[in-house]
Amino acid sequence: MLLVRAGRRQRGTRSEVLFTRTFALPLGLFALAMRIYRVLPPQWDIGVSPPHLSDLAWIVAICALWTRRWWAHSLTHYWGLTLDPRAMLTPALDAPGFPHADFVDFWGQRTLVVWAAIYLA
């Protein structure tokens, strides 16, 4: 609810651009770090390492936050409020709990994309 209020209050102001780009940077850095981690030799697995549709949501969310393009905004809204919550409700994780990088990647990426979709709403 706070993200929706912040988005509505900032709409059309200079602080909106600053906030959305500041939000896009950590999302991009986090997702990029996790993609690099996935392609390193000890973690590489053909069944897990290539991106899936929900893994592409972070790219579209960054584009929506940075450029405010209508298509990226729409896809972030759709994927961030349908695909990622569904994945969070029914996680299929074979990895151990919290300190493991797979756990942090799964929950961190999806949480940030959902927050971006809520903010953009």
PDB file of N, CA and C in Angstrom:
ATOM      1  N   MET A   1       0.821  -1.190   0.000  1.00  0.00           N
ATOM      2  CA  MET A   1       0.000   0.000   0.000  1.00  0.00           C
ATOM      3  C   MET A   1       0.869   1.260   0.000  1.00  0.00           C
ATOM      4  N   LEU A   2       1.976   1.214   0.733  1.00  0.00           N
ATOM      5  CA  LEU A   2       2.877   2.364   0.764  1.00  0.00           C
ATOM      6  C   LEU A   2       3.489   2.628  -0.605  1.00  0.00           C
ATOM      7  N   LEU A   3       3.787   1.557  -1.343  1.00  0.00           N
ATOM      8  CA  LEU A   3       4.352   1.739  -2.683  1.00  0.00           C
ATOM      9  C   LEU A   3       3.339   2.378  -3.629  1.00  0.00           C
ATOM     10  N   VAL A   4       2.086   2.014  -3.513  1.00  0.00           N
ATOM     11  CA  VAL A   4       1.039   2.618  -4.358  1.00  0.00           C
ATOM     12  C   VAL A   4       0.893   4.098  -4.020  1.00  0.00           C
ATOM     13  N   ARG A   5       0.868   4.412  -2.749  1.00  0.00           N
ATOM     14  CA  ARG A   5       0.767   5.826  -2.339  1.00  0.00           C
ATOM     15  C   ARG A   5       1.960   6.627  -2.818  1.00  0.00           C
ATOM     16  N   ALA A   6       3.148   6.051  -2.678  1.00  0.00           N
ATOM     17  CA  ALA A   6       4.356   6.752  -3.126  1.00  0.00           C
ATOM     18  C   ALA A   6       4.300   6.979  -4.635  1.00  0.00           C
ATOM     19  N   GLY A   7       3.868   5.977  -5.362  1.00  0.00           N
ATOM     20  CA  GLY A   7       3.768   6.121  -6.813  1.00  0.00           C
ATOM     21  C   GLY A   7       2.775   7.182  -7.236  1.00  0.00           C
ATOM     22  N   ARG A   8       1.639   7.225  -6.577  1.00  0.00           N
ATOM     23  CA  ARG A   8       0.615   8.222  -6.922  1.00  0.00           C
ATOM     24  C   ARG A   8       1.045   9.627  -6.519  1.00  0.00           C
ATOM     25  N   ARG A   9       1.699   9.746  -5.375  1.00  0.00           N
ATOM     26  CA  ARG A   9       2.132  11.055  -4.902  1.00  0.00           C
ATOM     27  C   ARG A   9       3.230  11.634  -5.789  1.00  0.00           C
ATOM     28  N   GLN A  10       4.073  10.766  -6.337  1.00  0.00           N
ATOM     29  CA  GLN A  10       5.202  11.237  -7.135  1.00  0.00           C
ATOM     30  C   GLN A  10       4.894  11.371  -8.619  1.00  0.00           C
ATOM     31  N   ARG A  11       3.761  10.896  -9.051  1.00  0.00           N
ATOM     32  CA  ARG A  11       3.428  10.870 -10.476  1.00  0.00           C
ATOM     33  C   ARG A  11       3.575  12.258 -11.103  1.00  0.00           C
ATOM     34  N   GLY A  12       4.367  12.318 -12.162  1.00  0.00           N
ATOM     35  CA  GLY A  12       4.547  13.555 -12.907  1.00  0.00           C
ATOM     36  C   GLY A  12       5.551  14.526 -12.312  1.00  0.00           C
ATOM     37  N   THR A  13       6.255  14.137 -11.257  1.00  0.00           N
ATOM     38  CA  THR A  13       7.233  15.027 -10.637  1.00  0.00           C
ATOM     39  C   THR A  13       8.650  14.566 -10.960  1.00  0.00           C
ATOM     40  N   ARG A  14       9.597  15.426 -10.678  1.00  0.00           N
ATOM     41  CA  ARG A  14      11.005  15.070 -10.890  1.00  0.00           C
ATOM     42  C   ARG A  14      11.435  13.964  -9.942  1.00  0.00           C
ATOM     43  N   SER A  15      10.866  13.933  -8.746  1.00  0.00           N
ATOM     44  CA  SER A  15      11.231  12.895  -7.795  1.00  0.00           C
ATOM     45  C   SER A  15      10.793  11.508  -8.271  1.00  0.00           C
ATOM     46  N   GLU A  16       9.786  11.445  -9.138  1.00  0.00           N
ATOM     47  CA  GLU A  16       9.365  10.158  -9.694  1.00  0.00           C
ATOM     48  C   GLU A  16      10.496   9.533 -10.509  1.00  0.00           C
ATOM     49  N   VAL A  17      11.125  10.326 -11.356  1.00  0.00           N
ATOM     50  CA  VAL A  17      12.222   9.826 -12.185  1.00  0.00           C
ATOM     51  C   VAL A  17      13.375   9.366 -11.303  1.00  0.00           C
ATOM     52  N   LEU A  18      13.705  10.158 -10.308  1.00  0.00           N
ATOM     53  CA  LEU A  18      14.796   9.800  -9.402  1.00  0.00           C
ATOM     54  C   LEU A  18      14.475   8.513  -8.640  1.00  0.00           C
ATOM     55  N   PHE A  19      13.257   8.404  -8.134  1.00  0.00           N
ATOM     56  CA  PHE A  19      12.877   7.216  -7.369  1.00  0.00           C
ATOM     57  C   PHE A  19      12.862   5.967  -8.241  1.00  0.00           C
ATOM     58  N   THR A  20      12.257   6.045  -9.429  1.00  0.00           N
ATOM     59  CA  THR A  20      12.158   4.859 -10.275  1.00  0.00           C
ATOM     60  C   THR A  20      13.525   4.385 -10.744  1.00  0.00           C
ATOM     61  N   ARG A  21      14.396   5.308 -11.070  1.00  0.00           N
ATOM     62  CA  ARG A  21      15.740   4.899 -11.497  1.00  0.00           C
ATOM     63  C   ARG A  21      16.570   4.390 -10.335  1.00  0.00           C
ATOM     64  N   THR A  22      16.359   4.957  -9.154  1.00  0.00           N
ATOM     65  CA  THR A  22      17.041   4.454  -7.962  1.00  0.00           C
ATOM     66  C   THR A  22      16.535   3.059  -7.615  1.00  0.00           C
ATOM     67  N   PHE A  23      15.283   2.790  -7.866  1.00  0.00           N
ATOM     68  CA  PHE A  23      14.697   1.477  -7.632  1.00  0.00           C
ATOM     69  C   PHE A  23      15.183   0.478  -8.687  1.00  0.00           C
ATOM     70  N   ALA A  24      15.367   0.937  -9.915  1.00  0.00           N
ATOM     71  CA  ALA A  24      15.803   0.059 -11.004  1.00  0.00           C
ATOM     72  C   ALA A  24      17.242  -0.417 -10.813  1.00  0.00           C
ATOM     73  N   LEU A  25      18.102   0.419 -10.258  1.00  0.00           N
ATOM     74  CA  LEU A  25      19.508   0.047 -10.111  1.00  0.00           C
ATOM     75  C   LEU A  25      19.735  -1.163  -9.208  1.00  0.00           C
ATOM     76  N   PRO A  26      19.223  -1.193  -7.979  1.00  0.00           N
ATOM     77  CA  PRO A  26      19.460  -2.392  -7.159  1.00  0.00           C
ATOM     78  C   PRO A  26      18.799  -3.645  -7.736  1.00  0.00           C
ATOM     79  N   LEU A  27      17.648  -3.472  -8.376  1.00  0.00           N
ATOM     80  CA  LEU A  27      17.000  -4.617  -9.011  1.00  0.00           C
ATOM     81  C   LEU A  27      17.905  -5.178 -10.104  1.00  0.00           C
ATOM     82  N   GLY A  28      18.461  -4.310 -10.913  1.00  0.00           N
ATOM     83  CA  GLY A  28      19.355  -4.747 -11.983  1.00  0.00           C
ATOM     84  C   GLY A  28      20.643  -5.344 -11.476  1.00  0.00           C
ATOM     85  N   LEU A  29      21.245  -4.715 -10.474  1.00  0.00           N
ATOM     86  CA  LEU A  29      22.493  -5.241  -9.923  1.00  0.00           C
ATOM     87  C   LEU A  29      22.287  -6.599  -9.261  1.00  0.00           C
ATOM     88  N   PHE A  30      21.196  -6.741  -8.519  1.00  0.00           N
ATOM     89  CA  PHE A  30      20.898  -8.010  -7.869  1.00  0.00           C
ATOM     90  C   PHE A  30      20.682  -9.111  -8.903  1.00  0.00           C
ATOM     91  N   ALA A  31      19.849  -8.830  -9.896  1.00  0.00           N
ATOM     92  CA  ALA A  31      19.534  -9.840 -10.912  1.00  0.00           C
ATOM     93  C   ALA A  31      20.768 -10.186 -11.744  1.00  0.00           C
ATOM     94  N   LEU A  32      21.579  -9.205 -12.076  1.00  0.00           N
ATOM     95  CA  LEU A  32      22.790  -9.463 -12.841  1.00  0.00           C
ATOM     96  C   LEU A  32      23.767 -10.323 -12.043  1.00  0.00           C
ATOM     97  N   ALA A  33      23.920 -10.021 -10.773  1.00  0.00           N
ATOM     98  CA  ALA A  33      24.803 -10.831  -9.921  1.00  0.00           C
ATOM     99  C   ALA A  33      24.314 -12.278  -9.851  1.00  0.00           C
ATOM    100  N   MET A  34      23.021 -12.463  -9.757  1.00  0.00           N
ATOM    101  CA  MET A  34      22.482 -13.823  -9.690  1.00  0.00           C
ATOM    102  C   MET A  34      22.622 -14.558 -11.029  1.00  0.00           C
ATOM    103  N   ARG A  35      22.493 -13.841 -12.156  1.00  0.00           N
ATOM    104  CA  ARG A  35      22.693 -14.480 -13.461  1.00  0.00           C
ATOM    105  C   ARG A  35      24.151 -14.898 -13.625  1.00  0.00           C
ATOM    106  N   ILE A  36      25.078 -14.055 -13.197  1.00  0.00           N
ATOM    107  CA  ILE A  36      26.500 -14.412 -13.265  1.00  0.00           C
ATOM    108  C   ILE A  36      26.770 -15.628 -12.389  1.00  0.00           C
ATOM    109  N   TYR A  37      26.212 -15.645 -11.204  1.00  0.00           N
ATOM    110  CA  TYR A  37      26.366 -16.788 -10.305  1.00  0.00           C
ATOM    111  C   TYR A  37      25.853 -18.070 -10.970  1.00  0.00           C
ATOM    112  N   ARG A  38      24.749 -17.992 -11.680  1.00  0.00           N
ATOM    113  CA  ARG A  38      24.140 -19.167 -12.314  1.00  0.00           C
ATOM    114  C   ARG A  38      25.002 -19.764 -13.429  1.00  0.00           C
ATOM    115  N   VAL A  39      25.792 -18.943 -14.117  1.00  0.00           N
ATOM    116  CA  VAL A  39      26.576 -19.470 -15.235  1.00  0.00           C
ATOM    117  C   VAL A  39      27.996 -19.865 -14.841  1.00  0.00           C
ATOM    118  N   LEU A  40      28.365 -19.686 -13.592  1.00  0.00           N
ATOM    119  CA  LEU A  40      29.680 -20.145 -13.149  1.00  0.00           C
ATOM    120  C   LEU A  40      29.715 -21.673 -13.172  1.00  0.00           C
ATOM    121  N   PRO A  41      30.864 -22.252 -13.485  1.00  0.00           N
ATOM    122  CA  PRO A  41      30.937 -23.713 -13.647  1.00  0.00           C
ATOM    123  C   PRO A  41      30.362 -24.558 -12.507  1.00  0.00           C
ATOM    124  N   PRO A  42      30.584 -24.263 -11.232  1.00  0.00           N
ATOM    125  CA  PRO A  42      30.011 -25.154 -10.214  1.00  0.00           C
ATOM    126  C   PRO A  42      28.481 -25.116 -10.152  1.00  0.00           C
ATOM    127  N   GLN A  43      27.850 -24.009 -10.574  1.00  0.00           N
ATOM    128  CA  GLN A  43      26.403 -23.880 -10.477  1.00  0.00           C
ATOM    129  C   GLN A  43      25.689 -24.195 -11.782  1.00  0.00           C
ATOM    130  N   TRP A  44      26.408 -24.288 -12.894  1.00  0.00           N
ATOM    131  CA  TRP A  44      25.772 -24.441 -14.192  1.00  0.00           C
ATOM    132  C   TRP A  44      25.019 -25.766 -14.257  1.00  0.00           C
ATOM    133  N   ASP A  45      23.745 -25.663 -14.611  1.00  0.00           N
ATOM    134  CA  ASP A  45      22.896 -26.837 -14.807  1.00  0.00           C
ATOM    135  C   ASP A  45      21.909 -26.476 -15.910  1.00  0.00           C
ATOM    136  N   ILE A  46      21.883 -27.262 -16.964  1.00  0.00           N
ATOM    137  CA  ILE A  46      21.039 -26.947 -18.120  1.00  0.00           C
ATOM    138  C   ILE A  46      19.557 -26.870 -17.749  1.00  0.00           C
ATOM    139  N   GLY A  47      19.152 -27.539 -16.691  1.00  0.00           N
ATOM    140  CA  GLY A  47      17.753 -27.504 -16.278  1.00  0.00           C
ATOM    141  C   GLY A  47      17.385 -26.286 -15.460  1.00  0.00           C
ATOM    142  N   VAL A  48      18.375 -25.602 -14.888  1.00  0.00           N
ATOM    143  CA  VAL A  48      18.107 -24.486 -13.984  1.00  0.00           C
ATOM    144  C   VAL A  48      18.696 -23.176 -14.494  1.00  0.00           C
ATOM    145  N   SER A  49      19.865 -23.220 -15.091  1.00  0.00           N
ATOM    146  CA  SER A  49      20.609 -22.004 -15.421  1.00  0.00           C
ATOM    147  C   SER A  49      19.997 -21.139 -16.517  1.00  0.00           C
ATOM    148  N   PRO A  50      19.491 -21.692 -17.620  1.00  0.00           N
ATOM    149  CA  PRO A  50      18.883 -20.805 -18.627  1.00  0.00           C
ATOM    150  C   PRO A  50      17.653 -20.102 -18.054  1.00  0.00           C
ATOM    151  N   PRO A  51      17.434 -18.846 -18.453  1.00  0.00           N
ATOM    152  CA  PRO A  51      16.300 -18.104 -17.892  1.00  0.00           C
ATOM    153  C   PRO A  51      14.955 -18.670 -18.341  1.00  0.00           C
ATOM    154  N   HIS A  52      13.991 -18.593 -17.442  1.00  0.00           N
ATOM    155  CA  HIS A  52      12.617 -18.961 -17.724  1.00  0.00           C
ATOM    156  C   HIS A  52      11.821 -17.671 -17.913  1.00  0.00           C
ATOM    157  N   LEU A  53      10.576 -17.779 -18.288  1.00  0.00           N
ATOM    158  CA  LEU A  53       9.755 -16.593 -18.535  1.00  0.00           C
ATOM    159  C   LEU A  53       9.698 -15.690 -17.306  1.00  0.00           C
ATOM    160  N   SER A  54       9.497 -16.276 -16.135  1.00  0.00           N
ATOM    161  CA  SER A  54       9.417 -15.441 -14.933  1.00  0.00           C
ATOM    162  C   SER A  54      10.769 -14.823 -14.583  1.00  0.00           C
ATOM    163  N   ASP A  55      11.860 -15.438 -15.048  1.00  0.00           N
ATOM    164  CA  ASP A  55      13.181 -14.848 -14.820  1.00  0.00           C
ATOM    165  C   ASP A  55      13.406 -13.621 -15.696  1.00  0.00           C
ATOM    166  N   LEU A  56      12.666 -13.507 -16.779  1.00  0.00           N
ATOM    167  CA  LEU A  56      12.802 -12.347 -17.659  1.00  0.00           C
ATOM    168  C   LEU A  56      12.020 -11.144 -17.134  1.00  0.00           C
ATOM    169  N   ALA A  57      11.199 -11.352 -16.133  1.00  0.00           N
ATOM    170  CA  ALA A  57      10.388 -10.265 -15.587  1.00  0.00           C
ATOM    171  C   ALA A  57      11.260  -9.150 -15.017  1.00  0.00           C
ATOM    172  N   TRP A  58      12.414  -9.489 -14.466  1.00  0.00           N
ATOM    173  CA  TRP A  58      13.262  -8.441 -13.894  1.00  0.00           C
ATOM    174  C   TRP A  58      13.808  -7.515 -14.973  1.00  0.00           C
ATOM    175  N   ILE A  59      14.074  -8.052 -16.167  1.00  0.00           N
ATOM    176  CA  ILE A  59      14.569  -7.207 -17.259  1.00  0.00           C
ATOM    177  C   ILE A  59      13.488  -6.211 -17.671  1.00  0.00           C
ATOM    178  N   VAL A  60      12.275  -6.694 -17.796  1.00  0.00           N
ATOM    179  CA  VAL A  60      11.162  -5.831 -18.188  1.00  0.00           C
ATOM    180  C   VAL A  60      10.861  -4.822 -17.082  1.00  0.00           C
ATOM    181  N   ALA A  61      10.963  -5.241 -15.818  1.00  0.00           N
ATOM    182  CA  ALA A  61      10.715  -4.317 -14.700  1.00  0.00           C
ATOM    183  C   ALA A  61      11.737  -3.190 -14.693  1.00  0.00           C
ATOM    184  N   ILE A  62      12.990  -3.507 -14.952  1.00  0.00           N
ATOM    185  CA  ILE A  62      14.024  -2.464 -15.010  1.00  0.00           C
ATOM    186  C   ILE A  62      13.736  -1.506 -16.157  1.00  0.00           C
ATOM    187  N   CYS A  63      13.368  -2.047 -17.305  1.00  0.00           N
ATOM    188  CA  CYS A  63      13.030  -1.204 -18.454  1.00  0.00           C
ATOM    189  C   CYS A  63      11.837  -0.304 -18.135  1.00  0.00           C
ATOM    190  N   ALA A  64      10.830  -0.849 -17.460  1.00  0.00           N
ATOM    191  CA  ALA A  64       9.657  -0.050 -17.107  1.00  0.00           C
ATOM    192  C   ALA A  64      10.015   1.052 -16.123  1.00  0.00           C
ATOM    193  N   LEU A  65      10.822   0.730 -15.133  1.00  0.00           N
ATOM    194  CA  LEU A  65      11.199   1.730 -14.139  1.00  0.00           C
ATOM    195  C   LEU A  65      12.112   2.792 -14.732  1.00  0.00           C
ATOM    196  N   TRP A  66      13.003   2.398 -15.621  1.00  0.00           N
ATOM    197  CA  TRP A  66      13.986   3.344 -16.153  1.00  0.00           C
ATOM    198  C   TRP A  66      13.406   4.194 -17.272  1.00  0.00           C
ATOM    199  N   THR A  67      12.670   3.573 -18.206  1.00  0.00           N
ATOM    200  CA  THR A  67      12.223   4.306 -19.399  1.00  0.00           C
ATOM    201  C   THR A  67      10.758   4.717 -19.375  1.00  0.00           C
ATOM    202  N   ARG A  68       9.949   4.059 -18.545  1.00  0.00           N
ATOM    203  CA  ARG A  68       8.508   4.307 -18.456  1.00  0.00           C
ATOM    204  C   ARG A  68       7.793   4.018 -19.779  1.00  0.00           C
ATOM    205  N   ARG A  69       8.325   3.083 -20.567  1.00  0.00           N
ATOM    206  CA  ARG A  69       7.671   2.665 -21.803  1.00  0.00           C
ATOM    207  C   ARG A  69       6.384   1.931 -21.478  1.00  0.00           C
ATOM    208  N   TRP A  70       5.345   2.151 -22.279  1.00  0.00           N
ATOM    209  CA  TRP A  70       4.031   1.567 -21.993  1.00  0.00           C
ATOM    210  C   TRP A  70       4.058   0.047 -22.031  1.00  0.00           C
ATOM    211  N   TRP A  71       4.782  -0.535 -23.004  1.00  0.00           N
ATOM    212  CA  TRP A  71       4.810  -1.992 -23.127  1.00  0.00           C
ATOM    213  C   TRP A  71       5.529  -2.633 -21.944  1.00  0.00           C
ATOM    214  N   ALA A  72       6.617  -2.010 -21.477  1.00  0.00           N
ATOM    215  CA  ALA A  72       7.352  -2.550 -20.323  1.00  0.00           C
ATOM    216  C   ALA A  72       6.520  -2.384 -19.057  1.00  0.00           C
ATOM    217  N   HIS A  73       5.846  -1.267 -18.960  1.00  0.00           N
ATOM    218  CA  HIS A  73       4.967  -1.017 -17.823  1.00  0.00           C
ATOM    219  C   HIS A  73       3.865  -2.078 -17.764  1.00  0.00           C
ATOM    220  N   SER A  74       3.254  -2.357 -18.912  1.00  0.00           N
ATOM    221  CA  SER A  74       2.173  -3.345 -18.974  1.00  0.00           C
ATOM    222  C   SER A  74       2.668  -4.747 -18.658  1.00  0.00           C
ATOM    223  N   LEU A  75       3.808  -5.137 -19.226  1.00  0.00           N
ATOM    224  CA  LEU A  75       4.345  -6.467 -18.952  1.00  0.00           C
ATOM    225  C   LEU A  75       4.767  -6.620 -17.490  1.00  0.00           C
ATOM    226  N   THR A  76       5.354  -5.579 -16.919  1.00  0.00           N
ATOM    227  CA  THR A  76       5.735  -5.640 -15.502  1.00  0.00           C
ATOM    228  C   THR A  76       4.500  -5.789 -14.640  1.00  0.00           C
ATOM    229  N   HIS A  77       3.476  -5.056 -14.976  1.00  0.00           N
ATOM    230  CA  HIS A  77       2.229  -5.158 -14.225  1.00  0.00           C
ATOM    231  C   HIS A  77       1.667  -6.576 -14.332  1.00  0.00           C
ATOM    232  N   TYR A  78       1.628  -7.107 -15.531  1.00  0.00           N
ATOM    233  CA  TYR A  78       1.065  -8.443 -15.745  1.00  0.00           C
ATOM    234  C   TYR A  78       1.931  -9.530 -15.107  1.00  0.00           C
ATOM    235  N   TRP A  79       3.224  -9.551 -15.443  1.00  0.00           N
ATOM    236  CA  TRP A  79       4.104 -10.599 -14.915  1.00  0.00           C
ATOM    237  C   TRP A  79       4.332 -10.435 -13.420  1.00  0.00           C
ATOM    238  N   GLY A  80       4.505  -9.198 -12.976  1.00  0.00           N
ATOM    239  CA  GLY A  80       4.804  -8.954 -11.572  1.00  0.00           C
ATOM    240  C   GLY A  80       3.643  -9.220 -10.637  1.00  0.00           C
ATOM    241  N   LEU A  81       2.421  -9.182 -11.167  1.00  0.00           N
ATOM    242  CA  LEU A  81       1.261  -9.433 -10.317  1.00  0.00           C
ATOM    243  C   LEU A  81       0.583 -10.768 -10.603  1.00  0.00           C
ATOM    244  N   THR A  82       1.110 -11.531 -11.577  1.00  0.00           N
ATOM    245  CA  THR A  82       0.532 -12.854 -11.834  1.00  0.00           C
ATOM    246  C   THR A  82       1.585 -13.953 -11.745  1.00  0.00           C
ATOM    247  N   LEU A  83       2.645 -13.876 -12.544  1.00  0.00           N
ATOM    248  CA  LEU A  83       3.647 -14.946 -12.561  1.00  0.00           C
ATOM    249  C   LEU A  83       4.440 -15.042 -11.261  1.00  0.00           C
ATOM    250  N   ASP A  84       4.960 -13.925 -10.804  1.00  0.00           N
ATOM    251  CA  ASP A  84       5.815 -13.976  -9.615  1.00  0.00           C
ATOM    252  C   ASP A  84       5.051 -14.332  -8.339  1.00  0.00           C
ATOM    253  N   PRO A  85       3.864 -13.782  -8.093  1.00  0.00           N
ATOM    254  CA  PRO A  85       3.132 -14.237  -6.899  1.00  0.00           C
ATOM    255  C   PRO A  85       2.778 -15.727  -6.964  1.00  0.00           C
ATOM    256  N   ARG A  86       2.448 -16.220  -8.160  1.00  0.00           N
ATOM    257  CA  ARG A  86       2.161 -17.650  -8.298  1.00  0.00           C
ATOM    258  C   ARG A  86       3.394 -18.475  -7.966  1.00  0.00           C
ATOM    259  N   ALA A  87       4.545 -18.033  -8.433  1.00  0.00           N
ATOM    260  CA  ALA A  87       5.792 -18.743  -8.119  1.00  0.00           C
ATOM    261  C   ALA A  87       6.099 -18.671  -6.628  1.00  0.00           C
ATOM    262  N   MET A  88       5.767 -17.563  -5.998  1.00  0.00           N
ATOM    263  CA  MET A  88       6.026 -17.416  -4.563  1.00  0.00           C
ATOM    264  C   MET A  88       5.060 -18.267  -3.731  1.00  0.00           C
ATOM    265  N   LEU A  89       3.854 -18.467  -4.232  1.00  0.00           N
ATOM    266  CA  LEU A  89       2.892 -19.294  -3.509  1.00  0.00           C
ATOM    267  C   LEU A  89       3.188 -20.787  -3.655  1.00  0.00           C
ATOM    268  N   THR A  90       3.786 -21.160  -4.772  1.00  0.00           N
ATOM    269  CA  THR A  90       4.089 -22.573  -5.015  1.00  0.00           C
ATOM    270  C   THR A  90       5.557 -22.730  -5.411  1.00  0.00           C
ATOM    271  N   PRO A  91       6.494 -22.413  -4.515  1.00  0.00           N
ATOM    272  CA  PRO A  91       7.909 -22.508  -4.873  1.00  0.00           C
ATOM    273  C   PRO A  91       8.346 -23.965  -5.071  1.00  0.00           C
ATOM    274  N   ALA A  92       9.187 -24.161  -6.063  1.00  0.00           N
ATOM    275  CA  ALA A  92       9.748 -25.486  -6.330  1.00  0.00           C
ATOM    276  C   ALA A  92      11.252 -25.402  -6.138  1.00  0.00           C
ATOM    277  N   LEU A  93      11.657 -25.275  -4.913  1.00  0.00           N
ATOM    278  CA  LEU A  93      13.071 -25.128  -4.606  1.00  0.00           C
ATOM    279  C   LEU A  93      13.645 -26.442  -4.082  1.00  0.00           C
ATOM    280  N   ASP A  94      14.753 -26.851  -4.674  1.00  0.00           N
ATOM    281  CA  ASP A  94      15.457 -28.026  -4.189  1.00  0.00           C
ATOM    282  C   ASP A  94      16.642 -27.610  -3.317  1.00  0.00           C
ATOM    283  N   ALA A  95      16.849 -26.313  -3.190  1.00  0.00           N
ATOM    284  CA  ALA A  95      18.003 -25.800  -2.457  1.00  0.00           C
ATOM    285  C   ALA A  95      17.708 -25.705  -0.966  1.00  0.00           C
ATOM    286  N   PRO A  96      18.754 -25.631  -0.172  1.00  0.00           N
ATOM    287  CA  PRO A  96      18.561 -25.419   1.261  1.00  0.00           C
ATOM    288  C   PRO A  96      17.941 -24.047   1.539  1.00  0.00           C
ATOM    289  N   GLY A  97      17.733 -23.747   2.794  1.00  0.00           N
ATOM    290  CA  GLY A  97      17.067 -22.520   3.224  1.00  0.00           C
ATOM    291  C   GLY A  97      17.864 -21.249   3.041  1.00  0.00           C
ATOM    292  N   PHE A  98      17.607 -20.288   3.897  1.00  0.00           N
ATOM    293  CA  PHE A  98      17.990 -18.885   3.737  1.00  0.00           C
ATOM    294  C   PHE A  98      19.412 -18.582   3.298  1.00  0.00           C
ATOM    295  N   PRO A  99      20.439 -19.006   3.937  1.00  0.00           N
ATOM    296  CA  PRO A  99      21.728 -18.461   3.496  1.00  0.00           C
ATOM    297  C   PRO A  99      22.140 -18.888   2.092  1.00  0.00           C
ATOM    298  N   HIS A 100      21.511 -19.883   1.541  1.00  0.00           N
ATOM    299  CA  HIS A 100      21.914 -20.378   0.222  1.00  0.00           C
ATOM    300  C   HIS A 100      21.562 -19.362  -0.865  1.00  0.00           C
ATOM    301  N   ALA A 101      22.449 -19.235  -1.869  1.00  0.00           N
ATOM    302  CA  ALA A 101      22.264 -18.253  -2.944  1.00  0.00           C
ATOM    303  C   ALA A 101      21.004 -18.526  -3.769  1.00  0.00           C
ATOM    304  N   ASP A 102      20.637 -19.779  -3.956  1.00  0.00           N
ATOM    305  CA  ASP A 102      19.424 -20.091  -4.720  1.00  0.00           C
ATOM    306  C   ASP A 102      18.176 -19.570  -4.017  1.00  0.00           C
ATOM    307  N   PHE A 103      18.153 -19.677  -2.716  1.00  0.00           N
ATOM    308  CA  PHE A 103      17.031 -19.169  -1.930  1.00  0.00           C
ATOM    309  C   PHE A 103      16.942 -17.647  -2.048  1.00  0.00           C
ATOM    310  N   VAL A 104      18.077 -16.986  -1.875  1.00  0.00           N
ATOM    311  CA  VAL A 104      18.121 -15.519  -1.963  1.00  0.00           C
ATOM    312  C   VAL A 104      17.745 -15.063  -3.372  1.00  0.00           C
ATOM    313  N   ASP A 105      18.222 -15.767  -4.395  1.00  0.00           N
ATOM    314  CA  ASP A 105      17.891 -15.425  -5.775  1.00  0.00           C
ATOM    315  C   ASP A 105      16.391 -15.543  -6.028  1.00  0.00           C
ATOM    316  N   PHE A 106      15.819 -16.666  -5.649  1.00  0.00           N
ATOM    317  CA  PHE A 106      14.396 -16.901  -5.898  1.00  0.00           C
ATOM    318  C   PHE A 106      13.526 -15.847  -5.218  1.00  0.00           C
ATOM    319  N   TRP A 107      13.690 -15.695  -3.924  1.00  0.00           N
ATOM    320  CA  TRP A 107      12.818 -14.797  -3.171  1.00  0.00           C
ATOM    321  C   TRP A 107      13.150 -13.329  -3.404  1.00  0.00           C
ATOM    322  N   GLY A 108      14.409 -12.998  -3.509  1.00  0.00           N
ATOM    323  CA  GLY A 108      14.801 -11.604  -3.728  1.00  0.00           C
ATOM    324  C   GLY A 108      14.332 -11.066  -5.053  1.00  0.00           C
ATOM    325  N   GLN A 109      14.594 -11.815  -6.116  1.00  0.00           N
ATOM    326  CA  GLN A 109      14.208 -11.365  -7.451  1.00  0.00           C
ATOM    327  C   GLN A 109      12.698 -11.205  -7.561  1.00  0.00           C
ATOM    328  N   ARG A 110      11.956 -12.175  -7.107  1.00  0.00           N
ATOM    329  CA  ARG A 110      10.506 -12.112  -7.232  1.00  0.00           C
ATOM    330  C   ARG A 110       9.895 -11.019  -6.367  1.00  0.00           C
ATOM    331  N   THR A 111      10.423 -10.842  -5.182  1.00  0.00           N
ATOM    332  CA  THR A 111       9.919  -9.782  -4.305  1.00  0.00           C
ATOM    333  C   THR A 111      10.147  -8.410  -4.923  1.00  0.00           C
ATOM    334  N   LEU A 112      11.331  -8.176  -5.473  1.00  0.00           N
ATOM    335  CA  LEU A 112      11.623  -6.880  -6.085  1.00  0.00           C
ATOM    336  C   LEU A 112      10.747  -6.618  -7.313  1.00  0.00           C
ATOM    337  N   VAL A 113      10.488  -7.633  -8.115  1.00  0.00           N
ATOM    338  CA  VAL A 113       9.631  -7.458  -9.291  1.00  0.00           C
ATOM    339  C   VAL A 113       8.190  -7.173  -8.865  1.00  0.00           C
ATOM    340  N   VAL A 114       7.711  -7.860  -7.849  1.00  0.00           N
ATOM    341  CA  VAL A 114       6.352  -7.599  -7.349  1.00  0.00           C
ATOM    342  C   VAL A 114       6.263  -6.176  -6.808  1.00  0.00           C
ATOM    343  N   TRP A 115       7.269  -5.752  -6.060  1.00  0.00           N
ATOM    344  CA  TRP A 115       7.274  -4.377  -5.550  1.00  0.00           C
ATOM    345  C   TRP A 115       7.273  -3.368  -6.682  1.00  0.00           C
ATOM    346  N   ALA A 116       8.043  -3.639  -7.743  1.00  0.00           N
ATOM    347  CA  ALA A 116       8.073  -2.733  -8.896  1.00  0.00           C
ATOM    348  C   ALA A 116       6.688  -2.664  -9.555  1.00  0.00           C
ATOM    349  N   ALA A 117       6.035  -3.810  -9.700  1.00  0.00           N
ATOM    350  CA  ALA A 117       4.698  -3.823 -10.303  1.00  0.00           C
ATOM    351  C   ALA A 117       3.694  -3.061  -9.455  1.00  0.00           C
ATOM    352  N   ILE A 118       3.793  -3.226  -8.141  1.00  0.00           N
ATOM    353  CA  ILE A 118       2.876  -2.503  -7.238  1.00  0.00           C
ATOM    354  C   ILE A 118       3.138  -0.997  -7.317  1.00  0.00           C
ATOM    355  N   TYR A 119       4.396  -0.613  -7.315  1.00  0.00           N
ATOM    356  CA  TYR A 119       4.729   0.807  -7.424  1.00  0.00           C
ATOM    357  C   TYR A 119       4.223   1.404  -8.736  1.00  0.00           C
ATOM    358  N   LEU A 120       4.422   0.689  -9.828  1.00  0.00           N
ATOM    359  CA  LEU A 120       4.004   1.194 -11.137  1.00  0.00           C
ATOM    360  C   LEU A 120       2.490   1.250 -11.300  1.00  0.00           C
ATOM    361  N   ALA A 121       1.777   0.480 -10.476  1.00  0.00           N
ATOM    362  CA  ALA A 121       0.326   0.513 -10.546  1.00  0.00           C
ATOM    363  C   ALA A 121      -0.174   1.880 -10.142  1.00  0.00           C
TER     364      ALA A 121
END
